[in-house]
Amino acid sequence: MDKIWLAEYEKAVESEINPDVVPSLVEIFEKAVSQYANKTAFINMGQALSFEELDVLSMQFAAYLQNSGLKKGDAVALMMPNLLQYPVALFGVLRAGMTVVNVNPLYTARELEHQLNDANVNTIVIVENFASTLEKVVSNTPVQNIVLTAIPDLLPVPKRWLVNFVIKKIKKMVPDYSLQGATRFNDALKIGESKTYSRPSLTGSDIAFLQYTGGTTGLSKGAMLTHRNMVANLEQVSGIFEAVIEPGEDLSVTALPLYHIFALTANCLLFLKYGCSNLLITNPRDMKAFVAEINKYPFAVLTGVNTLFNGLLNTPGFANVDFSKFKFGLGGGMAVQRPVAERWKQVTGKVLVEGYGLTECSPVVSVNPIKDVEYKGSIGIPLPSTDIKIMSEDDVELGIEEAGELYIRGPQVMAGYLGRPDATEEILDKGWLATGDIAKIDKDGYLYIVDRKKDMILVSGFNVFPNEIEEVAAMHEGILEAAAVGIPNDASGEVVKLFVVKRNQALSEDDIIKHCKSLLTGYKVPKIVEFRTELPKTNVGKILRRELREDTNK
């Protein structure tokens, strides 16, 4: 497809980037910590970490790893929420020439065991709140070295002691565990301080991250993201955002976990490159505390998913936050719903910019230009050096406004799945990556996701996309959240079932069906409504339709 979207680029945005501008992420890190040494890089629990301090501590951690029997390319797992220790460990691993394996701290023992074995993890850095999970499986994994950290480890004394006491003794957030031979995080830094750091020689083909997919079917797979993939995506995203980011000055609110690829690239790496600050939110589910925290800092950017934005908008006090420095919200990970985007603009005065990406693309593929001041329901235009095509089920390339599966090609596309040539072959063909998303493109080059291929509901031969149903449901003032799935039906194959979390307790099933009938054609209208107090979500807040379908079919 001709790159019709290039006409929508700002004048300063180049149509192509150089993915080999530097050999690795380490060069980007070294330049940032040198250029912005006295600026604040990360803030968490009221404690700031400067670029200079990040430089020193990450080098200490890199030296510790290099002198602990590890070699270049070895896999080091990081299993912690948003804490100051995360960027120290992250950049320590990269500077040591090793591969970061991001692990969701909420993983079950089974999920953790699979990932540690699949990635052949040598060393794991884990917050002690989840050490009991590791204890159950560590003997069945290749892990040789365990680094334990407590949530307040990088806070100053006596605050560190106080927070530790509250977490362990008052809130009892650390289950009993026994991990023989583990090293404390702060001890690892002291060991590294006394050792020699040797800067590795890295190339673009070296693997920077093993980033595991959600595993919606079967066990999760490790996407091999090379330094070249990550450098390329940073260059692509920078081209779009550098006109609005003020180097060394702006602050980004980082509520999504840094172990998730969206926050890792869009917050941690992008804002580090420009010498800006990341405000790390450790527990974004505590919305009241979240709002209180962001009220302390004049922030420029807030990234998140639709459920996070919706949650903030429904939290008392958010409307009174100081938005004087705020530039834009950036939404990804799931569809941003029109009612949420419009209310966001009304409350904050700034647009909620929607983008699109996936783990296998490091992750960003497209984003709406910041110049677009109104929500348009699009996932934006492809990034520089990105090719797209829309394909039919018969493997025919489709045209403008025709819906089919979205394929992507560009320097941000992964090298493949670790140890899974079969799965790699299924998704990658001659550089083109099959996303599994149904999309269409308009005459100006703006992309629209219709829905996930596997989530599509088939009613009497008609395609019904859950995103559309959920967006219509969200327009009802009595609905807080909604999720649509297809359930078997003898007459029509499937019918739509809607799961709803009420905002207004007086809301009835008839009210919802009547509302949907006024806005949807007959076969799209939910036939069954089930009320829930909450909907199942991933660690970043994406609603798990799969679990809802499974619950229905039990």
Protein backbone atom coordinates (compact mmCIF):
# COMPACT_ATOMS: atom_id res chain seq x y z
CA MET A 1 0.00 0.00 0.00
CA ASP A 2 1.29 3.48 -0.86
CA LYS A 3 2.20 5.45 2.26
CA ILE A 4 -0.74 7.82 1.97
CA TRP A 5 -0.33 8.74 5.65
CA LEU A 6 2.94 10.62 5.07
CA ALA A 7 0.94 13.74 4.15
CA GLU A 8 -0.33 13.77 7.74
CA TYR A 9 3.17 13.94 9.26
CA GLU A 10 4.33 17.17 10.86
CA LYS A 11 6.92 18.95 8.67
CA ALA A 12 9.80 18.04 11.01
CA VAL A 13 8.98 14.31 10.95
CA GLU A 14 11.09 12.28 8.53
CA SER A 15 9.42 9.46 6.61
CA GLU A 16 12.32 7.09 7.37
CA ILE A 17 14.56 6.59 10.41
CA ASN A 18 18.00 5.04 10.79
CA PRO A 19 17.63 1.95 13.01
CA ASP A 20 21.42 1.70 13.20
CA VAL A 21 22.01 5.24 14.47
CA VAL A 22 23.67 3.65 17.53
CA PRO A 23 24.60 -0.01 18.08
CA SER A 24 22.58 -0.49 21.29
CA LEU A 25 20.44 1.02 24.03
CA VAL A 26 23.57 1.38 26.14
CA GLU A 27 24.80 4.30 24.00
CA ILE A 28 21.45 6.05 24.42
CA PHE A 29 21.64 5.52 28.19
CA GLU A 30 25.22 6.76 28.45
CA LYS A 31 24.46 9.92 26.50
CA ALA A 32 21.40 10.71 28.65
CA VAL A 33 23.10 10.22 32.03
CA SER A 34 26.02 12.37 30.90
CA GLN A 35 23.97 15.16 29.34
CA TYR A 36 21.33 15.36 32.09
CA ALA A 37 23.40 14.27 35.12
CA ASN A 38 21.81 16.71 37.59
CA LYS A 39 18.24 16.25 36.40
CA THR A 40 15.74 13.89 38.04
CA ALA A 41 15.31 10.60 36.19
CA PHE A 42 12.82 8.72 38.41
CA ILE A 43 10.60 9.52 41.39
CA ASN A 44 8.90 6.95 43.62
CA MET A 45 7.33 7.25 47.07
CA GLY A 46 8.57 10.81 47.34
CA GLN A 47 12.18 9.90 46.62
CA ALA A 48 13.99 11.23 43.53
CA LEU A 49 16.80 9.48 41.66
CA SER A 50 18.98 11.71 39.47
CA PHE A 51 20.51 10.63 36.17
CA GLU A 52 23.92 10.75 37.82
CA GLU A 53 22.76 8.47 40.65
CA LEU A 54 21.13 6.14 38.11
CA ASP A 55 24.45 6.01 36.25
CA VAL A 56 26.40 5.09 39.39
CA LEU A 57 23.93 2.54 40.79
CA SER A 58 23.28 0.78 37.47
CA MET A 59 27.02 0.49 36.85
CA GLN A 60 27.41 -1.05 40.31
CA PHE A 61 24.69 -3.56 39.51
CA ALA A 62 26.25 -4.31 36.11
CA ALA A 63 29.60 -4.95 37.80
CA TYR A 64 27.92 -7.23 40.34
CA LEU A 65 26.38 -9.32 37.55
CA GLN A 66 29.59 -9.50 35.55
CA ASN A 67 31.46 -10.72 38.62
CA SER A 68 28.84 -13.30 39.63
CA GLY A 69 29.65 -15.90 37.00
CA LEU A 70 27.36 -14.49 34.29
CA LYS A 71 28.49 -13.81 30.75
CA LYS A 72 27.32 -11.62 27.89
CA GLY A 73 23.87 -12.64 26.63
CA ASP A 74 22.80 -14.45 29.82
CA ALA A 75 19.16 -13.98 30.84
CA VAL A 76 18.37 -11.96 33.97
CA ALA A 77 14.75 -11.82 35.15
CA LEU A 78 13.25 -8.74 36.80
CA MET A 79 10.13 -9.43 38.88
CA MET A 80 8.95 -6.28 40.60
CA PRO A 81 6.39 -3.47 40.33
CA ASN A 82 7.30 0.18 39.66
CA LEU A 83 10.08 0.89 42.17
CA LEU A 84 13.35 2.82 41.93
CA GLN A 85 15.11 -0.55 41.93
CA TYR A 86 13.57 -1.41 38.57
CA PRO A 87 15.44 1.12 36.37
CA VAL A 88 18.66 0.51 38.35
CA ALA A 89 18.42 -3.23 37.67
CA LEU A 90 17.15 -2.77 34.10
CA PHE A 91 20.00 -0.56 32.96
CA GLY A 92 22.45 -2.60 35.02
CA VAL A 93 21.50 -5.73 33.07
CA LEU A 94 21.73 -3.94 29.72
CA ARG A 95 25.07 -2.32 30.61
CA ALA A 96 26.39 -5.74 31.59
CA GLY A 97 25.60 -6.94 28.05
CA MET A 98 22.91 -9.31 29.26
CA THR A 99 19.26 -9.88 28.33
CA VAL A 100 16.36 -8.54 30.41
CA VAL A 101 13.50 -10.98 31.01
CA ASN A 102 10.56 -9.00 32.37
CA VAL A 103 8.30 -11.01 34.69
CA ASN A 104 4.85 -10.08 35.94
CA PRO A 105 5.04 -10.10 39.78
CA LEU A 106 1.49 -11.46 39.93
CA TYR A 107 2.39 -14.65 38.09
CA THR A 108 1.36 -17.93 39.64
CA ALA A 109 4.05 -20.51 40.45
CA ARG A 110 3.18 -22.43 37.25
CA GLU A 111 3.52 -19.33 35.05
CA LEU A 112 6.75 -18.29 36.73
CA GLU A 113 8.31 -21.74 36.39
CA HIS A 114 7.49 -21.83 32.67
CA GLN A 115 9.01 -18.43 31.97
CA LEU A 116 12.22 -19.02 33.97
CA ASN A 117 12.77 -22.32 32.18
CA ASP A 118 11.79 -21.08 28.74
CA ALA A 119 14.16 -18.11 28.96
CA ASN A 120 16.90 -20.17 30.67
CA VAL A 121 17.15 -17.53 33.39
CA ASN A 122 20.39 -17.54 35.37
CA THR A 123 19.64 -14.69 37.79
CA ILE A 124 16.38 -13.22 39.08
CA VAL A 125 15.83 -9.90 40.84
CA ILE A 126 12.61 -10.20 42.80
CA VAL A 127 10.75 -8.07 45.33
CA GLU A 128 10.35 -10.12 48.50
CA ASN A 129 6.55 -9.73 48.51
CA PHE A 130 6.53 -12.42 45.81
CA ALA A 131 9.48 -14.52 47.00
CA SER A 132 7.16 -17.25 48.31
CA THR A 133 6.04 -17.91 44.71
CA LEU A 134 9.64 -18.30 43.58
CA GLU A 135 10.38 -20.60 46.51
CA LYS A 136 7.83 -23.12 45.21
CA VAL A 137 9.52 -23.57 41.83
CA VAL A 138 13.13 -22.37 41.96
CA SER A 139 14.55 -25.90 42.32
CA ASN A 140 12.88 -26.82 39.02
CA THR A 141 14.50 -23.95 37.10
CA PRO A 142 18.00 -23.00 35.89
CA VAL A 143 18.15 -20.06 38.33
CA GLN A 144 21.55 -19.96 40.06
CA ASN A 145 21.43 -16.52 41.63
CA ILE A 146 18.61 -14.74 43.48
CA VAL A 147 18.68 -11.02 44.31
CA LEU A 148 16.01 -10.05 46.84
CA THR A 149 14.74 -6.51 47.28
CA ALA A 150 12.28 -4.92 49.69
CA ILE A 151 9.90 -2.25 48.37
CA PRO A 152 11.63 0.67 50.18
CA ASP A 153 15.26 -0.44 49.60
CA LEU A 154 16.30 2.76 47.81
CA LEU A 155 14.49 5.12 50.18
CA PRO A 156 16.61 7.00 52.75
CA VAL A 157 16.80 5.98 56.39
CA PRO A 158 14.68 6.29 58.56
CA LYS A 159 11.87 6.35 55.95
CA ARG A 160 13.08 2.98 54.65
CA TRP A 161 12.76 1.42 58.11
CA LEU A 162 9.31 2.89 58.68
CA VAL A 163 7.90 1.76 55.30
CA ASN A 164 9.41 -1.68 55.79
CA PHE A 165 7.79 -2.00 59.21
CA VAL A 166 4.37 -1.01 57.86
CA ILE A 167 4.61 -3.37 54.87
CA LYS A 168 5.79 -6.37 56.89
CA LYS A 169 4.26 -5.96 60.33
CA ILE A 170 1.15 -3.82 59.88
CA LYS A 171 -0.09 -4.69 56.38
CA LYS A 172 1.55 -8.15 56.37
CA MET A 173 2.25 -7.91 52.64
CA VAL A 174 5.27 -10.25 52.68
CA PRO A 175 4.34 -13.95 53.01
CA ASP A 176 6.87 -16.22 54.72
CA TYR A 177 9.54 -17.61 52.41
CA SER A 178 12.89 -19.37 52.49
CA LEU A 179 15.40 -18.82 49.68
CA GLN A 180 18.81 -20.05 50.72
CA GLY A 181 21.83 -18.18 49.43
CA ALA A 182 19.88 -15.14 48.16
CA THR A 183 21.67 -11.77 48.00
CA ARG A 184 19.99 -8.57 49.15
CA PHE A 185 19.72 -5.88 46.46
CA ASN A 186 21.61 -3.24 48.43
CA ASP A 187 24.33 -5.79 49.21
CA ALA A 188 24.62 -6.55 45.50
CA LEU A 189 25.21 -2.83 44.85
CA LYS A 190 27.93 -2.74 47.52
CA ILE A 191 29.60 -5.80 46.01
CA GLY A 192 29.45 -4.20 42.56
CA GLU A 193 30.96 -0.98 43.91
CA SER A 194 34.10 -2.90 44.85
CA LYS A 195 34.32 -4.76 41.52
CA THR A 196 35.48 -3.70 38.06
CA TYR A 197 32.86 -2.96 35.40
CA SER A 198 33.78 -3.97 31.86
CA ARG A 199 31.79 -2.25 29.11
CA PRO A 200 30.59 -4.95 26.67
CA SER A 201 30.71 -4.74 22.90
CA LEU A 202 27.10 -4.90 21.73
CA THR A 203 25.58 -4.98 18.24
CA GLY A 204 22.07 -4.42 16.99
CA SER A 205 21.48 -8.15 16.68
CA ASP A 206 22.10 -8.81 20.39
CA ILE A 207 18.87 -9.52 22.30
CA ALA A 208 17.99 -6.71 24.71
CA PHE A 209 14.69 -8.10 25.99
CA LEU A 210 12.85 -11.40 26.12
CA GLN A 211 9.38 -9.94 26.40
CA TYR A 212 6.72 -12.55 27.06
CA THR A 213 3.30 -12.33 25.45
CA GLY A 214 0.12 -12.68 27.46
CA GLY A 215 -0.32 -16.30 26.50
CA THR A 216 -4.00 -16.01 25.56
CA THR A 217 -3.80 -19.54 24.21
CA GLY A 218 -1.46 -21.99 25.87
CA LEU A 219 1.82 -20.97 27.49
CA SER A 220 3.32 -17.54 26.90
CA LYS A 221 6.04 -17.06 24.29
CA GLY A 222 9.20 -14.96 24.56
CA ALA A 223 9.44 -12.31 21.86
CA MET A 224 13.12 -11.70 21.09
CA LEU A 225 13.51 -7.91 20.93
CA THR A 226 16.99 -6.95 19.79
CA HIS A 227 18.85 -3.75 20.57
CA ARG A 228 18.21 -2.74 16.95
CA ASN A 229 14.46 -3.33 17.39
CA MET A 230 14.36 -1.15 20.50
CA VAL A 231 16.64 1.60 19.13
CA ALA A 232 14.50 1.69 15.97
CA ASN A 233 11.25 2.03 17.89
CA LEU A 234 12.73 4.79 20.05
CA GLU A 235 13.80 6.64 16.90
CA GLN A 236 10.35 6.16 15.35
CA VAL A 237 8.50 7.38 18.43
CA SER A 238 10.95 10.24 18.95
CA GLY A 239 10.20 11.54 15.49
CA ILE A 240 6.56 11.93 16.44
CA PHE A 241 6.90 13.28 19.99
CA GLU A 242 10.10 15.31 20.10
CA ALA A 243 8.29 18.43 18.93
CA VAL A 244 6.23 18.48 22.15
CA ILE A 245 8.67 17.01 24.70
CA GLU A 246 10.86 19.58 26.46
CA PRO A 247 14.21 17.90 27.12
CA GLY A 248 15.32 17.89 30.74
CA GLU A 249 12.05 19.42 31.94
CA ASP A 250 8.93 17.32 31.36
CA LEU A 251 7.56 14.72 33.77
CA SER A 252 5.63 11.63 32.72
CA VAL A 253 3.27 9.78 35.05
CA THR A 254 4.16 6.09 34.78
CA ALA A 255 1.27 4.09 36.20
CA LEU A 256 1.55 1.10 33.88
CA PRO A 257 4.23 -1.31 35.11
CA LEU A 258 7.65 -0.86 33.54
CA TYR A 259 7.87 -4.60 32.95
CA HIS A 260 5.11 -4.10 30.36
CA ILE A 261 6.43 -3.22 26.91
CA PHE A 262 4.19 -0.13 26.51
CA ALA A 263 5.51 1.62 29.64
CA LEU A 264 9.02 0.30 29.04
CA THR A 265 9.34 2.05 25.67
CA ALA A 266 6.89 4.97 25.89
CA ASN A 267 7.85 6.02 29.43
CA CYS A 268 11.12 4.57 30.68
CA LEU A 269 13.22 4.64 27.50
CA LEU A 270 11.69 7.61 25.66
CA PHE A 271 11.73 9.98 28.62
CA LEU A 272 15.19 8.83 29.66
CA LYS A 273 16.47 9.67 26.17
CA TYR A 274 15.23 13.25 26.56
CA GLY A 275 16.44 13.71 30.13
CA CYS A 276 12.90 13.88 31.50
CA SER A 277 11.43 12.40 34.67
CA ASN A 278 9.27 9.34 35.26
CA LEU A 279 6.94 9.45 38.28
CA LEU A 280 6.63 5.75 39.15
CA ILE A 281 3.27 4.70 40.58
CA THR A 282 3.74 1.42 42.46
CA ASN A 283 0.06 0.59 42.95
CA PRO A 284 -2.20 2.36 40.42
CA ARG A 285 -5.18 0.28 41.56
CA ASP A 286 -5.35 2.47 44.67
CA MET A 287 -6.94 5.30 42.72
CA LYS A 288 -7.37 7.61 45.70
CA ALA A 289 -3.65 7.42 46.54
CA PHE A 290 -2.80 7.67 42.83
CA VAL A 291 -4.68 10.97 42.49
CA ALA A 292 -3.09 12.28 45.69
CA GLU A 293 0.38 11.44 44.33
CA ILE A 294 0.00 13.11 40.92
CA ASN A 295 -1.37 16.18 42.66
CA LYS A 296 2.14 16.76 44.06
CA TYR A 297 3.86 16.99 40.68
CA PRO A 298 3.13 19.22 37.65
CA PHE A 299 3.11 16.49 34.99
CA ALA A 300 3.25 16.83 31.20
CA VAL A 301 2.23 13.35 30.05
CA LEU A 302 0.15 10.52 31.48
CA THR A 303 0.11 7.16 29.73
CA GLY A 304 -2.31 4.34 30.33
CA VAL A 305 -5.07 2.09 29.09
CA ASN A 306 -8.76 2.89 28.76
CA THR A 307 -9.68 1.36 32.12
CA LEU A 308 -7.03 3.45 33.88
CA PHE A 309 -8.27 6.71 32.33
CA ASN A 310 -11.86 5.75 33.13
CA GLY A 311 -10.90 4.92 36.70
CA LEU A 312 -9.18 8.28 37.19
CA LEU A 313 -12.15 10.16 35.76
CA ASN A 314 -14.37 8.41 38.30
CA THR A 315 -12.09 9.07 41.27
CA PRO A 316 -13.03 12.03 43.51
CA GLY A 317 -10.44 14.79 43.33
CA PHE A 318 -9.08 14.00 39.86
CA ALA A 319 -10.99 16.87 38.26
CA ASN A 320 -9.26 19.24 40.69
CA VAL A 321 -5.71 18.13 39.80
CA ASP A 322 -3.41 20.85 38.42
CA PHE A 323 -3.35 20.31 34.65
CA SER A 324 -1.52 23.56 33.82
CA LYS A 325 1.61 21.72 32.58
CA PHE A 326 -0.27 18.79 31.09
CA LYS A 327 0.25 18.26 27.34
CA PHE A 328 -1.51 15.03 26.43
CA GLY A 329 -2.60 11.60 27.59
CA LEU A 330 -1.35 8.60 25.64
CA GLY A 331 -3.58 5.55 25.44
CA GLY A 332 -2.69 2.08 24.17
CA GLY A 333 -2.94 -1.59 25.07
CA MET A 334 -6.68 -1.69 24.36
CA ALA A 335 -9.23 0.45 22.54
CA VAL A 336 -9.78 3.94 23.95
CA GLN A 337 -13.53 4.41 24.11
CA ARG A 338 -15.08 7.60 22.77
CA PRO A 339 -17.04 8.46 25.97
CA VAL A 340 -13.82 8.16 28.00
CA ALA A 341 -11.77 10.23 25.53
CA GLU A 342 -14.40 12.96 25.32
CA ARG A 343 -14.77 13.18 29.09
CA TRP A 344 -10.97 13.20 29.45
CA LYS A 345 -10.75 16.24 27.16
CA GLN A 346 -13.54 17.94 29.09
CA VAL A 347 -11.88 17.39 32.49
CA THR A 348 -8.19 17.91 31.63
CA GLY A 349 -8.50 20.28 28.70
CA LYS A 350 -6.12 18.14 26.66
CA VAL A 351 -6.59 15.37 24.12
CA LEU A 352 -6.26 11.67 24.88
CA VAL A 353 -3.97 10.49 22.07
CA GLU A 354 -4.51 6.90 21.01
CA GLY A 355 -1.73 4.72 19.69
CA TYR A 356 -1.34 1.07 18.77
CA GLY A 357 1.32 -1.51 19.27
CA LEU A 358 2.07 -5.07 20.27
CA THR A 359 4.85 -6.85 22.10
CA GLU A 360 6.25 -8.25 18.87
CA CYS A 361 6.78 -4.69 17.54
CA SER A 362 8.76 -3.27 20.46
CA PRO A 363 5.82 -2.18 20.71
CA VAL A 364 4.68 0.97 18.85
CA VAL A 365 3.26 0.71 15.32
CA SER A 366 1.06 3.78 14.95
CA VAL A 367 -0.05 6.87 16.85
CA ASN A 368 -2.27 9.87 16.28
CA PRO A 369 -0.43 13.14 15.59
CA ILE A 370 -0.41 15.46 18.61
CA LYS A 371 -1.84 18.19 16.34
CA ASP A 372 -5.16 16.30 16.31
CA VAL A 373 -7.01 17.99 19.14
CA GLU A 374 -10.13 15.85 19.00
CA TYR A 375 -10.68 12.12 19.46
CA LYS A 376 -11.43 10.41 16.15
CA GLY A 377 -11.53 6.72 17.12
CA SER A 378 -8.41 5.96 15.11
CA ILE A 379 -5.21 4.28 16.32
CA GLY A 380 -3.38 6.87 14.25
CA ILE A 381 -0.98 6.73 11.34
CA PRO A 382 1.96 4.33 10.96
CA LEU A 383 5.30 5.42 12.37
CA PRO A 384 8.23 6.33 10.09
CA SER A 385 9.85 3.31 8.37
CA THR A 386 6.70 1.26 8.96
CA ASP A 387 4.79 -0.54 6.20
CA ILE A 388 1.26 -1.85 6.62
CA LYS A 389 -1.19 -3.86 4.57
CA ILE A 390 -4.74 -5.09 5.15
CA MET A 391 -5.34 -8.68 4.05
CA SER A 392 -8.51 -10.68 3.46
CA GLU A 393 -8.97 -14.25 4.70
CA ASP A 394 -8.26 -15.32 1.11
CA ASP A 395 -4.82 -13.63 1.31
CA VAL A 396 -5.82 -10.76 -0.96
CA GLU A 397 -4.61 -7.24 -0.14
CA LEU A 398 -7.57 -4.96 0.51
CA GLY A 399 -8.09 -1.27 -0.21
CA ILE A 400 -9.36 1.88 1.50
CA GLU A 401 -12.10 1.33 4.10
CA GLU A 402 -12.02 -2.46 3.67
CA ALA A 403 -11.65 -4.45 6.90
CA GLY A 404 -9.16 -7.30 7.12
CA GLU A 405 -6.21 -8.54 9.13
CA LEU A 406 -3.50 -5.94 9.75
CA TYR A 407 0.06 -6.87 8.71
CA ILE A 408 3.13 -4.85 9.70
CA ARG A 409 6.70 -4.60 8.45
CA GLY A 410 9.47 -2.44 9.90
CA PRO A 411 12.72 -2.39 11.89
CA GLN A 412 10.77 -2.62 15.16
CA VAL A 413 9.42 -6.11 14.32
CA MET A 414 10.90 -8.79 16.59
CA ALA A 415 13.52 -11.33 15.58
CA GLY A 416 11.08 -14.14 16.44
CA TYR A 417 9.88 -16.19 19.41
CA LEU A 418 12.59 -17.81 21.51
CA GLY A 419 12.86 -21.51 20.72
CA ARG A 420 9.56 -21.51 18.82
CA PRO A 421 10.24 -21.64 15.08
CA ASP A 422 6.73 -23.00 14.51
CA ALA A 423 5.05 -20.08 16.27
CA THR A 424 7.43 -17.64 14.58
CA GLU A 425 6.54 -19.02 11.17
CA GLU A 426 2.84 -18.65 11.93
CA ILE A 427 3.13 -14.93 12.58
CA LEU A 428 6.12 -13.82 10.46
CA ASP A 429 6.37 -14.16 6.67
CA LYS A 430 9.14 -12.43 4.70
CA GLY A 431 9.36 -9.67 7.28
CA TRP A 432 5.60 -9.15 7.51
CA LEU A 433 4.03 -9.71 10.92
CA ALA A 434 0.39 -10.87 11.13
CA THR A 435 -1.15 -8.98 14.07
CA GLY A 436 -4.38 -10.93 14.50
CA ASP A 437 -6.21 -7.59 14.58
CA ILE A 438 -8.97 -6.68 12.15
CA ALA A 439 -8.38 -3.16 10.85
CA LYS A 440 -9.17 -0.73 8.06
CA ILE A 441 -7.46 2.38 6.72
CA ASP A 442 -9.12 5.58 5.52
CA LYS A 443 -8.21 7.81 2.58
CA ASP A 444 -5.84 9.89 4.73
CA GLY A 445 -3.94 6.89 6.04
CA TYR A 446 -5.51 6.71 9.51
CA LEU A 447 -5.88 3.19 10.85
CA TYR A 448 -8.91 1.89 12.71
CA ILE A 449 -8.94 -1.32 14.70
CA VAL A 450 -12.27 -3.03 14.25
CA ASP A 451 -11.47 -5.79 16.76
CA ARG A 452 -9.33 -8.77 17.62
CA LYS A 453 -9.73 -11.56 15.08
CA LYS A 454 -10.28 -14.15 17.80
CA ASP A 455 -12.76 -11.98 19.74
CA MET A 456 -15.10 -11.47 16.80
CA ILE A 457 -18.65 -12.71 17.40
CA LEU A 458 -20.53 -14.39 14.54
CA VAL A 459 -24.30 -13.83 14.72
CA SER A 460 -26.29 -15.47 11.91
CA GLY A 461 -23.37 -15.00 9.54
CA PHE A 462 -22.83 -11.34 10.51
CA ASN A 463 -19.57 -10.19 12.09
CA VAL A 464 -20.07 -8.43 15.42
CA PHE A 465 -17.10 -6.72 17.04
CA PRO A 466 -17.06 -6.43 20.85
CA ASN A 467 -15.34 -3.02 20.79
CA GLU A 468 -18.39 -1.47 19.15
CA ILE A 469 -20.82 -3.01 21.66
CA GLU A 470 -18.67 -1.95 24.61
CA GLU A 471 -18.34 1.60 23.36
CA VAL A 472 -22.10 1.92 22.96
CA ALA A 473 -22.64 0.48 26.45
CA ALA A 474 -20.13 2.97 27.88
CA MET A 475 -22.31 5.82 26.58
CA HIS A 476 -24.93 4.93 29.22
CA GLU A 477 -24.35 7.08 32.29
CA GLY A 478 -25.25 4.20 34.58
CA ILE A 479 -22.48 1.91 33.30
CA LEU A 480 -18.97 2.07 34.72
CA GLU A 481 -17.42 -0.75 32.65
CA ALA A 482 -18.65 -3.29 30.12
CA ALA A 483 -17.33 -6.26 28.18
CA ALA A 484 -19.02 -8.13 25.33
CA VAL A 485 -18.46 -11.77 24.37
CA GLY A 486 -20.15 -14.27 22.10
CA ILE A 487 -21.91 -17.30 23.56
CA PRO A 488 -23.27 -20.33 21.66
CA ASN A 489 -26.83 -20.17 20.39
CA ASP A 490 -28.71 -22.90 18.50
CA ALA A 491 -30.60 -20.48 16.27
CA SER A 492 -27.92 -17.95 15.32
CA GLY A 493 -24.64 -19.67 16.08
CA GLU A 494 -23.74 -17.03 18.66
CA VAL A 495 -25.43 -14.17 20.48
CA VAL A 496 -23.94 -11.21 22.33
CA LYS A 497 -23.62 -11.38 26.10
CA LEU A 498 -22.70 -8.18 27.95
CA PHE A 499 -20.97 -8.10 31.33
CA VAL A 500 -21.58 -4.84 33.19
CA VAL A 501 -20.21 -3.08 36.25
CA LYS A 502 -22.82 -0.56 37.43
CA ARG A 503 -22.21 3.05 38.29
CA ASN A 504 -25.90 3.42 39.13
CA GLN A 505 -27.23 0.54 41.24
CA ALA A 506 -30.78 1.10 39.99
CA LEU A 507 -29.71 0.13 36.48
CA SER A 508 -31.55 -2.93 35.10
CA GLU A 509 -30.97 -5.38 32.27
CA ASP A 510 -33.97 -3.90 30.43
CA ASP A 511 -32.47 -0.40 30.70
CA ILE A 512 -29.24 -1.58 29.04
CA ILE A 513 -30.93 -3.54 26.27
CA LYS A 514 -33.20 -0.61 25.50
CA HIS A 515 -30.19 1.72 25.34
CA CYS A 516 -28.33 -0.66 23.00
CA LYS A 517 -31.37 -1.09 20.75
CA SER A 518 -31.46 2.67 20.18
CA LEU A 519 -27.88 2.68 18.87
CA LEU A 520 -27.23 -0.76 17.37
CA THR A 521 -28.78 -2.88 14.65
CA GLY A 522 -30.78 -5.85 15.93
CA TYR A 523 -28.23 -8.68 15.65
CA LYS A 524 -25.64 -6.62 17.58
CA VAL A 525 -27.87 -5.97 20.59
CA PRO A 526 -26.92 -8.00 23.69
CA LYS A 527 -29.40 -10.77 24.40
CA ILE A 528 -28.08 -11.41 27.91
CA VAL A 529 -26.71 -8.98 30.50
CA GLU A 530 -24.79 -10.14 33.56
CA PHE A 531 -23.91 -7.71 36.34
CA ARG A 532 -20.55 -7.99 38.09
CA THR A 533 -18.86 -6.03 40.84
CA GLU A 534 -15.65 -6.03 38.75
CA LEU A 535 -14.32 -7.42 35.47
CA PRO A 536 -11.23 -9.63 35.16
CA LYS A 537 -8.23 -7.68 33.89
CA THR A 538 -4.60 -8.16 32.98
CA ASN A 539 -1.87 -6.55 35.06
CA VAL A 540 -2.14 -3.38 32.97
CA GLY A 541 -5.94 -3.20 33.09
CA LYS A 542 -6.98 -4.79 29.80
CA ILE A 543 -10.30 -6.59 30.22
CA LEU A 544 -9.94 -10.35 29.82
CA ARG A 545 -12.80 -11.34 27.52
CA ARG A 546 -11.33 -14.84 27.36
CA GLU A 547 -11.99 -15.39 31.08
CA LEU A 548 -15.53 -14.12 30.71
CA ARG A 549 -16.14 -16.54 27.84
CA GLU A 550 -14.70 -19.38 29.89
CA ASP A 551 -16.89 -18.47 32.87
CA THR A 552 -19.95 -18.53 30.61
CA ASN A 553 -19.09 -21.91 29.11
CA LYS A 554 -18.47 -23.68 32.44
